[in-house]
PDB file of N, CA and C in Angstrom:
ATOM      1  N   MET A   1      97.795-104.579  78.479  1.00  0.00           N
ATOM      2  CA  MET A   1      98.188-103.134  79.026  1.00  0.00           C
ATOM      3  C   MET A   1      97.202-102.328  79.045  1.00  0.00           C
ATOM      4  N   SER A   2      97.150-101.614  80.331  1.00  0.00           N
ATOM      5  CA  SER A   2      96.067-101.562  81.300  1.00  0.00           C
ATOM      6  C   SER A   2      95.896 -99.838  80.493  1.00  0.00           C
ATOM      7  N   THR A   3      94.732 -98.909  80.550  1.00  0.00           N
ATOM      8  CA  THR A   3      94.561 -97.339  79.699  1.00  0.00           C
ATOM      9  C   THR A   3      95.708 -97.059  80.449  1.00  0.00           C
ATOM     10  N   GLU A   4      95.732 -96.726  82.146  1.00  0.00           N
ATOM     11  CA  GLU A   4      97.083 -96.067  82.721  1.00  0.00           C
ATOM     12  C   GLU A   4      98.115 -95.939  82.152  1.00  0.00           C
ATOM     13  N   GLN A   5      98.668 -97.329  81.934  1.00  0.00           N
ATOM     14  CA  GLN A   5     100.003 -97.588  81.091  1.00  0.00           C
ATOM     15  C   GLN A   5      99.792 -97.314  79.605  1.00  0.00           C
ATOM     16  N   LEU A   6      98.972 -97.128  79.078  1.00  0.00           N
ATOM     17  CA  LEU A   6      99.193 -96.536  77.759  1.00  0.00           C
ATOM     18  C   LEU A   6      98.820 -95.103  77.447  1.00  0.00           C
ATOM     19  N   LEU A   7      98.281 -94.514  78.429  1.00  0.00           N
ATOM     20  CA  LEU A   7      98.575 -93.236  78.648  1.00  0.00           C
ATOM     21  C   LEU A   7      99.823 -92.504  79.214  1.00  0.00           C
ATOM     22  N   LEU A   8     100.559 -93.413  80.149  1.00  0.00           N
ATOM     23  CA  LEU A   8     101.612 -92.875  80.859  1.00  0.00           C
ATOM     24  C   LEU A   8     102.883 -93.634  79.637  1.00  0.00           C
ATOM     25  N   GLU A   9     102.355 -93.949  79.061  1.00  0.00           N
ATOM     26  CA  GLU A   9     103.531 -94.686  77.754  1.00  0.00           C
ATOM     27  C   GLU A   9     103.508 -93.540  76.639  1.00  0.00           C
ATOM     28  N   LYS A  10     102.840 -93.373  76.132  1.00  0.00           N
ATOM     29  CA  LYS A  10     102.463 -91.982  75.543  1.00  0.00           C
ATOM     30  C   LYS A  10     102.932 -90.749  75.862  1.00  0.00           C
ATOM     31  N   TRP A  11     102.812 -90.607  77.169  1.00  0.00           N
ATOM     32  CA  TRP A  11     102.892 -89.441  77.495  1.00  0.00           C
ATOM     33  C   TRP A  11     104.134 -89.133  77.809  1.00  0.00           C
ATOM     34  N   ARG A  12     105.318 -90.290  78.484  1.00  0.00           N
ATOM     35  CA  ARG A  12     106.237 -89.876  78.190  1.00  0.00           C
ATOM     36  C   ARG A  12     107.087 -89.865  76.842  1.00  0.00           C
ATOM     37  N   SER A  13     106.491 -90.386  75.696  1.00  0.00           N
ATOM     38  CA  SER A  13     107.322 -89.754  74.618  1.00  0.00           C
ATOM     39  C   SER A  13     107.198 -89.092  73.898  1.00  0.00           C
ATOM     40  N   LEU A  14     106.345 -88.308  74.977  1.00  0.00           N
ATOM     41  CA  LEU A  14     105.996 -86.714  73.968  1.00  0.00           C
ATOM     42  C   LEU A  14     107.484 -85.572  74.708  1.00  0.00           C
ATOM     43  N   PRO A  15     107.805 -84.613  73.897  1.00  0.00           N
ATOM     44  CA  PRO A  15     108.459 -83.749  74.496  1.00  0.00           C
ATOM     45  C   PRO A  15     108.453 -82.964  75.932  1.00  0.00           C
ATOM     46  N   LEU A  16     109.077 -82.372  76.226  1.00  0.00           N
ATOM     47  CA  LEU A  16     108.606 -81.660  77.534  1.00  0.00           C
ATOM     48  C   LEU A  16     107.670 -80.563  77.624  1.00  0.00           C
ATOM     49  N   ASP A  17     107.398 -80.347  76.375  1.00  0.00           N
ATOM     50  CA  ASP A  17     106.277 -78.810  76.391  1.00  0.00           C
ATOM     51  C   ASP A  17     104.957 -79.728  76.032  1.00  0.00           C
ATOM     52  N   LYS A  18     104.828 -80.463  75.382  1.00  0.00           N
ATOM     53  CA  LYS A  18     103.896 -81.490  74.815  1.00  0.00           C
ATOM     54  C   LYS A  18     103.069 -81.841  76.755  1.00  0.00           C
ATOM     55  N   GLN A  19     104.095 -82.508  77.450  1.00  0.00           N
ATOM     56  CA  GLN A  19     103.857 -83.090  78.410  1.00  0.00           C
ATOM     57  C   GLN A  19     103.419 -81.973  79.375  1.00  0.00           C
ATOM     58  N   GLN A  20     104.117 -80.627  79.533  1.00  0.00           N
ATOM     59  CA  GLN A  20     103.180 -79.817  80.345  1.00  0.00           C
ATOM     60  C   GLN A  20     101.699 -79.439  79.585  1.00  0.00           C
ATOM     61  N   GLU A  21     101.613 -79.367  78.418  1.00  0.00           N
ATOM     62  CA  GLU A  21     100.199 -78.939  77.861  1.00  0.00           C
ATOM     63  C   GLU A  21      98.996 -80.275  78.172  1.00  0.00           C
ATOM     64  N   VAL A  22      99.948 -81.443  78.602  1.00  0.00           N
ATOM     65  CA  VAL A  22      99.030 -82.675  78.913  1.00  0.00           C
ATOM     66  C   VAL A  22      98.612 -82.385  80.502  1.00  0.00           C
ATOM     67  N   LEU A  23      99.574 -82.056  80.943  1.00  0.00           N
ATOM     68  CA  LEU A  23      99.266 -81.818  82.505  1.00  0.00           C
ATOM     69  C   LEU A  23      98.324 -80.633  82.671  1.00  0.00           C
ATOM     70  N   ASP A  24      98.407 -79.304  81.918  1.00  0.00           N
ATOM     71  CA  ASP A  24      97.633 -78.486  82.365  1.00  0.00           C
ATOM     72  C   ASP A  24      95.833 -78.939  81.610  1.00  0.00           C
ATOM     73  N   PHE A  25      96.240 -79.806  80.789  1.00  0.00           N
ATOM     74  CA  PHE A  25      94.468 -80.183  80.141  1.00  0.00           C
ATOM     75  C   PHE A  25      93.993 -80.656  81.517  1.00  0.00           C
ATOM     76  N   VAL A  26      94.924 -81.517  82.044  1.00  0.00           N
ATOM     77  CA  VAL A  26      94.238 -83.023  83.087  1.00  0.00           C
ATOM     78  C   VAL A  26      93.845 -81.874  84.089  1.00  0.00           C
ATOM     79  N   GLU A  27      94.361 -80.774  84.710  1.00  0.00           N
ATOM     80  CA  GLU A  27      93.973 -79.544  85.514  1.00  0.00           C
ATOM     81  C   GLU A  27      92.606 -79.141  85.293  1.00  0.00           C
ATOM     82  N   PHE A  28      92.544 -78.806  84.018  1.00  0.00           N
ATOM     83  CA  PHE A  28      91.427 -78.137  83.329  1.00  0.00           C
ATOM     84  C   PHE A  28      89.997 -78.443  83.447  1.00  0.00           C
ATOM     85  N   LEU A  29      90.351 -80.704  82.993  1.00  0.00           N
ATOM     86  CA  LEU A  29      89.429 -80.941  83.461  1.00  0.00           C
ATOM     87  C   LEU A  29      88.599 -81.064  84.897  1.00  0.00           C
ATOM     88  N   GLU A  30      89.823 -81.172  85.329  1.00  0.00           N
ATOM     89  CA  GLU A  30      89.371 -81.011  87.338  1.00  0.00           C
ATOM     90  C   GLU A  30      88.878 -80.390  87.659  1.00  0.00           C
ATOM     91  N   PHE A  31      89.365 -79.132  87.424  1.00  0.00           N
ATOM     92  CA  PHE A  31      88.584 -77.713  87.279  1.00  0.00           C
ATOM     93  C   PHE A  31      87.516 -78.003  87.382  1.00  0.00           C
ATOM     94  N   ARG A  32      87.040 -77.807  85.877  1.00  0.00           N
ATOM     95  CA  ARG A  32      86.012 -78.003  85.064  1.00  0.00           C
ATOM     96  C   ARG A  32      84.750 -78.925  85.821  1.00  0.00           C
ATOM     97  N   GLN A  33      85.311 -80.223  86.001  1.00  0.00           N
ATOM     98  CA  GLN A  33      84.384 -81.437  87.114  1.00  0.00           C
ATOM     99  C   GLN A  33      84.260 -80.575  88.060  1.00  0.00           C
ATOM    100  N   THR A  34      85.316 -79.990  89.017  1.00  0.00           N
ATOM    101  CA  THR A  34      85.115 -79.668  90.268  1.00  0.00           C
ATOM    102  C   THR A  34      83.857 -78.122  90.772  1.00  0.00           C
ATOM    103  N   SER A  35      84.164 -77.169  89.176  1.00  0.00           N
ATOM    104  CA  SER A  35      82.988 -75.928  89.395  1.00  0.00           C
ATOM    105  C   SER A  35      81.979 -76.889  88.792  1.00  0.00           C
ATOM    106  N   THR A  36      81.380 -77.737  88.282  1.00  0.00           N
ATOM    107  CA  THR A  36      80.480 -77.960  88.008  1.00  0.00           C
ATOM    108  C   THR A  36      79.665 -78.657  89.403  1.00  0.00           C
ATOM    109  N   THR A  37      80.073 -79.361  90.275  1.00  0.00           N
ATOM    110  CA  THR A  37      79.243 -79.546  91.208  1.00  0.00           C
ATOM    111  C   THR A  37      79.479 -78.612  92.306  1.00  0.00           C
ATOM    112  N   ARG A  38      80.206 -76.979  92.786  1.00  0.00           N
ATOM    113  CA  ARG A  38      80.471 -76.563  93.297  1.00  0.00           C
ATOM    114  C   ARG A  38      79.123 -75.096  93.384  1.00  0.00           C
ATOM    115  N   GLN A  39      78.578 -75.298  94.591  1.00  0.00           N
ATOM    116  CA  GLN A  39      77.926 -73.397  94.384  1.00  0.00           C
ATOM    117  C   GLN A  39      78.267 -72.515  94.224  1.00  0.00           C
ATOM    118  N   PRO A  40      77.619 -71.517  93.853  1.00  0.00           N
ATOM    119  CA  PRO A  40      78.123 -70.014  93.773  1.00  0.00           C
ATOM    120  C   PRO A  40      78.658 -69.327  94.880  1.00  0.00           C
ATOM    121  N   VAL A  41      79.440 -68.937  95.169  1.00  0.00           N
ATOM    122  CA  VAL A  41      79.964 -68.112  96.537  1.00  0.00           C
ATOM    123  C   VAL A  41      79.610 -66.689  96.313  1.00  0.00           C
ATOM    124  N   GLU A  42      79.056 -66.652  97.619  1.00  0.00           N
ATOM    125  CA  GLU A  42      78.080 -65.400  97.890  1.00  0.00           C
ATOM    126  C   GLU A  42      79.593 -63.849  97.505  1.00  0.00           C
ATOM    127  N   SER A  43      78.744 -63.112  96.823  1.00  0.00           N
ATOM    128  CA  SER A  43      79.995 -62.331  97.087  1.00  0.00           C
ATOM    129  C   SER A  43      80.305 -61.163  98.185  1.00  0.00           C
ATOM    130  N   THR A  44      81.503 -61.559  98.358  1.00  0.00           N
ATOM    131  CA  THR A  44      81.928 -60.619  99.744  1.00  0.00           C
ATOM    132  C   THR A  44      82.576 -59.277  99.485  1.00  0.00           C
ATOM    133  N   SER A  45      82.555 -59.019  98.122  1.00  0.00           N
ATOM    134  CA  SER A  45      83.375 -58.009  98.237  1.00  0.00           C
ATOM    135  C   SER A  45      82.543 -56.569  98.325  1.00  0.00           C
ATOM    136  N   LYS A  46      82.133 -55.328  98.161  1.00  0.00           N
ATOM    137  CA  LYS A  46      81.106 -54.500  98.152  1.00  0.00           C
ATOM    138  C   LYS A  46      81.782 -53.374  97.041  1.00  0.00           C
ATOM    139  N   SER A  47      83.458 -53.538  96.997  1.00  0.00           N
ATOM    140  CA  SER A  47      83.851 -52.353  95.977  1.00  0.00           C
ATOM    141  C   SER A  47      83.709 -52.963  94.597  1.00  0.00           C
ATOM    142  N   LYS A  48      83.498 -51.781  93.699  1.00  0.00           N
ATOM    143  CA  LYS A  48      83.012 -51.977  92.523  1.00  0.00           C
ATOM    144  C   LYS A  48      83.891 -52.712  91.510  1.00  0.00           C
ATOM    145  N   LEU A  49      85.330 -52.355  91.904  1.00  0.00           N
ATOM    146  CA  LEU A  49      86.560 -53.553  91.650  1.00  0.00           C
ATOM    147  C   LEU A  49      86.230 -54.810  91.468  1.00  0.00           C
ATOM    148  N   GLY A  50      85.873 -54.775  93.045  1.00  0.00           N
ATOM    149  CA  GLY A  50      85.828 -56.359  93.258  1.00  0.00           C
ATOM    150  C   GLY A  50      84.661 -57.232  91.739  1.00  0.00           C
ATOM    151  N   GLU A  51      83.265 -55.922  92.220  1.00  0.00           N
ATOM    152  CA  GLU A  51      82.486 -56.946  91.518  1.00  0.00           C
ATOM    153  C   GLU A  51      82.721 -57.035  89.689  1.00  0.00           C
ATOM    154  N   HIS A  52      83.241 -55.868  89.688  1.00  0.00           N
ATOM    155  CA  HIS A  52      84.264 -56.248  87.630  1.00  0.00           C
ATOM    156  C   HIS A  52      84.985 -56.827  87.740  1.00  0.00           C
ATOM    157  N   LEU A  53      85.859 -57.283  88.666  1.00  0.00           N
ATOM    158  CA  LEU A  53      86.650 -58.309  88.579  1.00  0.00           C
ATOM    159  C   LEU A  53      85.752 -60.016  88.944  1.00  0.00           C
ATOM    160  N   ARG A  54      84.747 -59.779  89.458  1.00  0.00           N
ATOM    161  CA  ARG A  54      84.201 -61.043  89.812  1.00  0.00           C
ATOM    162  C   ARG A  54      83.562 -61.471  87.967  1.00  0.00           C
ATOM    163  N   LYS A  55      82.998 -60.149  87.608  1.00  0.00           N
ATOM    164  CA  LYS A  55      82.156 -60.775  86.636  1.00  0.00           C
ATOM    165  C   LYS A  55      83.328 -61.170  85.440  1.00  0.00           C
ATOM    166  N   ILE A  56      84.266 -60.452  85.338  1.00  0.00           N
ATOM    167  CA  ILE A  56      85.064 -61.243  84.601  1.00  0.00           C
ATOM    168  C   ILE A  56      85.219 -62.200  84.418  1.00  0.00           C
ATOM    169  N   ARG A  57      85.436 -62.564  85.698  1.00  0.00           N
ATOM    170  CA  ARG A  57      86.217 -64.121  85.985  1.00  0.00           C
ATOM    171  C   ARG A  57      84.728 -65.113  85.216  1.00  0.00           C
ATOM    172  N   GLU A  58      83.831 -64.472  85.780  1.00  0.00           N
ATOM    173  CA  GLU A  58      82.488 -65.382  85.237  1.00  0.00           C
ATOM    174  C   GLU A  58      82.280 -65.993  83.786  1.00  0.00           C
ATOM    175  N   GLU A  59      82.839 -64.498  82.963  1.00  0.00           N
ATOM    176  CA  GLU A  59      82.557 -64.471  81.740  1.00  0.00           C
ATOM    177  C   GLU A  59      83.610 -65.354  81.071  1.00  0.00           C
ATOM    178  N   ILE A  60      84.733 -65.584  81.722  1.00  0.00           N
ATOM    179  CA  ILE A  60      85.793 -66.326  81.541  1.00  0.00           C
ATOM    180  C   ILE A  60      85.263 -67.860  81.313  1.00  0.00           C
ATOM    181  N   ILE A  61      84.830 -67.789  82.561  1.00  0.00           N
ATOM    182  CA  ILE A  61      84.600 -69.268  83.070  1.00  0.00           C
ATOM    183  C   ILE A  61      83.580 -69.536  81.844  1.00  0.00           C
ATOM    184  N   ALA A  62      82.411 -68.962  81.686  1.00  0.00           N
ATOM    185  CA  ALA A  62      81.264 -69.312  80.476  1.00  0.00           C
ATOM    186  C   ALA A  62      81.748 -69.943  79.652  1.00  0.00           C
ATOM    187  N   SER A  63      82.385 -69.040  79.276  1.00  0.00           N
ATOM    188  CA  SER A  63      83.304 -69.037  77.723  1.00  0.00           C
ATOM    189  C   SER A  63      83.875 -70.281  77.621  1.00  0.00           C
ATOM    190  N   GLY A  64      84.074 -70.965  78.897  1.00  0.00           N
ATOM    191  CA  GLY A  64      85.039 -72.361  78.416  1.00  0.00           C
ATOM    192  C   GLY A  64      86.211 -72.406  78.133  1.00  0.00           C
ATOM    193  N   THR A  65      87.174 -71.144  78.372  1.00  0.00           N
ATOM    194  CA  THR A  65      88.448 -71.001  78.424  1.00  0.00           C
ATOM    195  C   THR A  65      89.022 -71.359  79.740  1.00  0.00           C
ATOM    196  N   PRO A  66      90.195 -72.345  79.545  1.00  0.00           N
ATOM    197  CA  PRO A  66      90.967 -72.739  80.769  1.00  0.00           C
ATOM    198  C   PRO A  66      91.001 -71.801  81.540  1.00  0.00           C
ATOM    199  N   MET A  67      90.764 -71.851  82.762  1.00  0.00           N
ATOM    200  CA  MET A  67      91.727 -70.287  83.714  1.00  0.00           C
ATOM    201  C   MET A  67      92.889 -70.809  84.135  1.00  0.00           C
ATOM    202  N   LEU A  68      94.184 -69.910  84.128  1.00  0.00           N
ATOM    203  CA  LEU A  68      95.987 -70.810  84.504  1.00  0.00           C
ATOM    204  C   LEU A  68      95.746 -71.575  86.130  1.00  0.00           C
ATOM    205  N   ASN A  69      96.457 -71.857  85.697  1.00  0.00           N
ATOM    206  CA  ASN A  69      96.857 -72.524  87.138  1.00  0.00           C
ATOM    207  C   ASN A  69      98.204 -72.105  87.797  1.00  0.00           C
ATOM    208  N   TRP A  70      98.730 -72.103  88.993  1.00  0.00           N
ATOM    209  CA  TRP A  70     100.036 -71.708  88.844  1.00  0.00           C
ATOM    210  C   TRP A  70     100.837 -71.753  88.473  1.00  0.00           C
ATOM    211  N   SER A  71     100.873 -72.948  87.979  1.00  0.00           N
ATOM    212  CA  SER A  71     102.326 -72.902  87.252  1.00  0.00           C
ATOM    213  C   SER A  71     102.382 -71.930  85.596  1.00  0.00           C
ATOM    214  N   GLY A  72     100.790 -72.033  84.940  1.00  0.00           N
ATOM    215  CA  GLY A  72     100.679 -71.292  83.862  1.00  0.00           C
ATOM    216  C   GLY A  72     100.968 -69.567  84.513  1.00  0.00           C
ATOM    217  N   ILE A  73     100.220 -69.470  85.443  1.00  0.00           N
ATOM    218  CA  ILE A  73     100.516 -67.729  85.454  1.00  0.00           C
ATOM    219  C   ILE A  73     101.868 -67.709  86.122  1.00  0.00           C
ATOM    220  N   GLU A  74     102.702 -68.414  86.870  1.00  0.00           N
ATOM    221  CA  GLU A  74     104.519 -68.193  86.353  1.00  0.00           C
ATOM    222  C   GLU A  74     105.170 -67.992  85.636  1.00  0.00           C
ATOM    223  N   ARG A  75     104.583 -68.835  84.402  1.00  0.00           N
ATOM    224  CA  ARG A  75     105.065 -68.811  82.876  1.00  0.00           C
ATOM    225  C   ARG A  75     104.386 -68.144  82.450  1.00  0.00           C
ATOM    226  N   GLU A  76     103.111 -67.452  82.233  1.00  0.00           N
ATOM    227  CA  GLU A  76     102.750 -66.243  81.733  1.00  0.00           C
ATOM    228  C   GLU A  76     103.586 -64.742  82.223  1.00  0.00           C
ATOM    229  N   LYS A  77     104.184 -64.956  83.269  1.00  0.00           N
ATOM    230  CA  LYS A  77     104.691 -63.667  83.752  1.00  0.00           C
ATOM    231  C   LYS A  77     106.275 -63.795  83.494  1.00  0.00           C
ATOM    232  N   ALA A  78     106.752 -64.908  83.459  1.00  0.00           N
ATOM    233  CA  ALA A  78     107.655 -64.928  83.286  1.00  0.00           C
ATOM    234  C   ALA A  78     108.193 -64.338  81.434  1.00  0.00           C
ATOM    235  N   GLU A  79     106.839 -64.803  81.072  1.00  0.00           N
ATOM    236  CA  GLU A  79     106.983 -64.433  79.290  1.00  0.00           C
ATOM    237  C   GLU A  79     107.042 -62.716  79.178  1.00  0.00           C
ATOM    238  N   ARG A  80     106.041 -62.383  79.928  1.00  0.00           N
ATOM    239  CA  ARG A  80     106.122 -61.002  79.761  1.00  0.00           C
ATOM    240  C   ARG A  80     107.013 -60.165  80.614  1.00  0.00           C
ATOM    241  N   ARG A  81     108.232 -60.459  81.445  1.00  0.00           N
ATOM    242  CA  ARG A  81     109.060 -60.123  82.191  1.00  0.00           C
ATOM    243  C   ARG A  81     110.450 -60.310  81.221  1.00  0.00           C
ATOM    244  N   GLY A  82     110.468 -60.992  80.120  1.00  0.00           N
ATOM    245  CA  GLY A  82     111.438 -61.258  79.209  1.00  0.00           C
ATOM    246  C   GLY A  82     111.924 -62.495  78.839  1.00  0.00           C
ATOM    247  N   GLY A  83     110.528 -63.449  79.121  1.00  0.00           N
ATOM    248  CA  GLY A  83     110.896 -64.421  78.398  1.00  0.00           C
ATOM    249  C   GLY A  83     110.859 -65.535  79.208  1.00  0.00           C
ATOM    250  N   TYR A  84     110.265 -66.549  79.014  1.00  0.00           N
ATOM    251  CA  TYR A  84     110.420 -68.026  79.741  1.00  0.00           C
ATOM    252  C   TYR A  84     110.971 -69.154  79.421  1.00  0.00           C
ATOM    253  N   GLN A  85     112.098 -69.588  80.232  1.00  0.00           N
ATOM    254  CA  GLN A  85     112.757 -70.707  79.591  1.00  0.00           C
ATOM    255  C   GLN A  85     112.599 -71.724  80.533  1.00  0.00           C
ATOM    256  N   GLN A  86     112.416 -72.750  79.415  1.00  0.00           N
ATOM    257  CA  GLN A  86     111.492 -74.299  79.590  1.00  0.00           C
ATOM    258  C   GLN A  86     112.953 -74.842  80.974  1.00  0.00           C
ATOM    259  N   GLU A  87     112.122 -75.082  81.878  1.00  0.00           N
ATOM    260  CA  GLU A  87     112.944 -76.232  83.456  1.00  0.00           C
ATOM    261  C   GLU A  87     113.512 -77.512  83.222  1.00  0.00           C
ATOM    262  N   ALA A  88     114.891 -77.693  83.204  1.00  0.00           N
ATOM    263  CA  ALA A  88     115.259 -78.801  82.649  1.00  0.00           C
ATOM    264  C   ALA A  88     114.912 -79.585  83.928  1.00  0.00           C
ATOM    265  N   GLU A  89     114.757 -80.806  83.398  1.00  0.00           N
ATOM    266  CA  GLU A  89     114.330 -82.194  84.708  1.00  0.00           C
ATOM    267  C   GLU A  89     115.493 -83.341  84.117  1.00  0.00           C
TER     268      GLU A  89
END
């Protein structure tokens, strides 16, 4: 059995919430890989708020905390607005 097949088999045996955690982790690994190869973007914002938000983002990245992907943002938004319900598949 190939590594890919073994990984897929183990992933399928997990509960849906754990499958999502695996997907989030893979997206984090992809982000970390691409973020180390990209050059820093020049600051285009001249506002104090823009600079402050950029600094917070850089601190989060430097800490190693994974940034939220779109599904994570939507999930957190739903939780804050009254509860997140797992989508049925």
